[in-house]
Amino acid sequence: MRAAVERHLITIGEALHKALALDDSLEDRVPHLHVIVGLRNRLVHGYFAIEWSRIVVTVEGEMDALANTLHAIAH
């Protein structure tokens, strides 16, 4: 489960990083965009510095709002 969650967070962070390069207005429309991209970088490059409990809190508290925001932007 942990590996799957980490993989999805990495994918989301990478996608947002690439999307931001194409549309800098996303910075204003996606709350915490740079934090999400930064989390991706920490997961990829600093695995042992990650506190899993913080990941759980983030996923449980923020993912629905992020999914809703991204869905609204896409449609």
C-alpha atoms as a PDB file:
ATOM      1  CA  MET A   1       0.000   0.000   0.000  1.00  0.00           C
ATOM      2  CA  ARG A   2       2.782   2.396   0.934  1.00  0.00           C
ATOM      3  CA  ALA A   3       4.614   1.822  -2.344  1.00  0.00           C
ATOM      4  CA  ALA A   4       1.415   2.417  -4.307  1.00  0.00           C
ATOM      5  CA  VAL A   5       0.675   5.675  -2.494  1.00  0.00           C
ATOM      6  CA  GLU A   6       4.246   6.879  -2.984  1.00  0.00           C
ATOM      7  CA  ARG A   7       4.117   5.977  -6.677  1.00  0.00           C
ATOM      8  CA  HIS A   8       0.911   7.954  -7.173  1.00  0.00           C
ATOM      9  CA  LEU A   9       2.297  10.967  -5.314  1.00  0.00           C
ATOM     10  CA  ILE A  10       5.405  10.848  -7.501  1.00  0.00           C
ATOM     11  CA  THR A  11       3.252  10.684 -10.636  1.00  0.00           C
ATOM     12  CA  ILE A  12       1.031  13.567  -9.501  1.00  0.00           C
ATOM     13  CA  GLY A  13       4.047  15.721  -8.619  1.00  0.00           C
ATOM     14  CA  GLU A  14       5.755  15.017 -11.923  1.00  0.00           C
ATOM     15  CA  ALA A  15       2.596  15.713 -13.917  1.00  0.00           C
ATOM     16  CA  LEU A  16       2.027  19.015 -12.125  1.00  0.00           C
ATOM     17  CA  HIS A  17       5.651  20.015 -12.667  1.00  0.00           C
ATOM     18  CA  LYS A  18       5.337  19.386 -16.408  1.00  0.00           C
ATOM     19  CA  ALA A  19       1.921  21.067 -16.592  1.00  0.00           C
ATOM     20  CA  LEU A  20       3.278  24.145 -14.803  1.00  0.00           C
ATOM     21  CA  ALA A  21       5.987  24.426 -17.445  1.00  0.00           C
ATOM     22  CA  LEU A  22       3.240  24.602 -20.072  1.00  0.00           C
ATOM     23  CA  ASP A  23       0.819  26.842 -18.152  1.00  0.00           C
ATOM     24  CA  ASP A  24       2.208  29.046 -15.409  1.00  0.00           C
ATOM     25  CA  SER A  25      -1.318  30.087 -14.395  1.00  0.00           C
ATOM     26  CA  LEU A  26      -1.597  26.730 -12.641  1.00  0.00           C
ATOM     27  CA  GLU A  27       0.508  28.189  -9.857  1.00  0.00           C
ATOM     28  CA  ASP A  28      -2.471  30.367  -8.913  1.00  0.00           C
ATOM     29  CA  ARG A  29      -5.131  27.730  -9.547  1.00  0.00           C
ATOM     30  CA  VAL A  30      -3.649  24.690  -7.775  1.00  0.00           C
ATOM     31  CA  PRO A  31      -3.177  25.277  -4.052  1.00  0.00           C
ATOM     32  CA  HIS A  32       0.208  24.154  -2.749  1.00  0.00           C
ATOM     33  CA  LEU A  33       1.447  23.239  -6.230  1.00  0.00           C
ATOM     34  CA  HIS A  34       5.094  23.793  -5.335  1.00  0.00           C
ATOM     35  CA  VAL A  35       4.697  21.775  -2.137  1.00  0.00           C
ATOM     36  CA  ILE A  36       3.284  18.879  -4.153  1.00  0.00           C
ATOM     37  CA  VAL A  37       6.163  19.033  -6.619  1.00  0.00           C
ATOM     38  CA  GLY A  38       8.606  19.307  -3.720  1.00  0.00           C
ATOM     39  CA  LEU A  39       7.091  16.224  -2.099  1.00  0.00           C
ATOM     40  CA  ARG A  40       7.634  14.344  -5.346  1.00  0.00           C
ATOM     41  CA  ASN A  41      11.277  15.390  -5.340  1.00  0.00           C
ATOM     42  CA  ARG A  42      11.745  14.283  -1.727  1.00  0.00           C
ATOM     43  CA  LEU A  43      10.124  10.932  -2.425  1.00  0.00           C
ATOM     44  CA  VAL A  44      12.352  10.344  -5.429  1.00  0.00           C
ATOM     45  CA  HIS A  45      15.626  11.729  -4.096  1.00  0.00           C
ATOM     46  CA  GLY A  46      15.424  11.663  -0.319  1.00  0.00           C
ATOM     47  CA  TYR A  47      13.456   8.578   0.572  1.00  0.00           C
ATOM     48  CA  PHE A  48      14.916   8.112   4.039  1.00  0.00           C
ATOM     49  CA  ALA A  49      14.100  11.708   4.984  1.00  0.00           C
ATOM     50  CA  ILE A  50      10.353  11.133   4.513  1.00  0.00           C
ATOM     51  CA  GLU A  51       8.105  10.780   7.539  1.00  0.00           C
ATOM     52  CA  TRP A  52       5.371   8.348   6.544  1.00  0.00           C
ATOM     53  CA  SER A  53       2.975   9.749   9.167  1.00  0.00           C
ATOM     54  CA  ARG A  54       3.102  13.134   7.417  1.00  0.00           C
ATOM     55  CA  ILE A  55       2.338  11.478   4.081  1.00  0.00           C
ATOM     56  CA  VAL A  56      -0.711   9.789   5.603  1.00  0.00           C
ATOM     57  CA  VAL A  57      -2.007  13.056   7.050  1.00  0.00           C
ATOM     58  CA  THR A  58      -1.468  14.807   3.718  1.00  0.00           C
ATOM     59  CA  VAL A  59      -3.198  12.112   1.684  1.00  0.00           C
ATOM     60  CA  GLU A  60      -6.127  11.833   4.063  1.00  0.00           C
ATOM     61  CA  GLY A  61      -6.580  15.586   4.404  1.00  0.00           C
ATOM     62  CA  GLU A  62      -5.709  17.015   1.016  1.00  0.00           C
ATOM     63  CA  MET A  63      -6.192  14.548  -1.821  1.00  0.00           C
ATOM     64  CA  ASP A  64      -9.938  15.022  -2.263  1.00  0.00           C
ATOM     65  CA  ALA A  65      -9.509  18.776  -2.570  1.00  0.00           C
ATOM     66  CA  LEU A  66      -6.626  18.358  -5.021  1.00  0.00           C
ATOM     67  CA  ALA A  67      -8.618  15.854  -7.111  1.00  0.00           C
ATOM     68  CA  ASN A  68     -11.583  18.254  -7.212  1.00  0.00           C
ATOM     69  CA  THR A  69      -9.352  21.175  -8.233  1.00  0.00           C
ATOM     70  CA  LEU A  70      -7.647  19.195 -10.998  1.00  0.00           C
ATOM     71  CA  HIS A  71     -10.968  17.848 -12.235  1.00  0.00           C
ATOM     72  CA  ALA A  72     -12.387  21.370 -12.427  1.00  0.00           C
ATOM     73  CA  ILE A  73      -9.329  22.599 -14.355  1.00  0.00           C
ATOM     74  CA  ALA A  74      -9.536  19.685 -16.796  1.00  0.00           C
ATOM     75  CA  HIS A  75     -13.201  20.279 -17.582  1.00  0.00           C
END
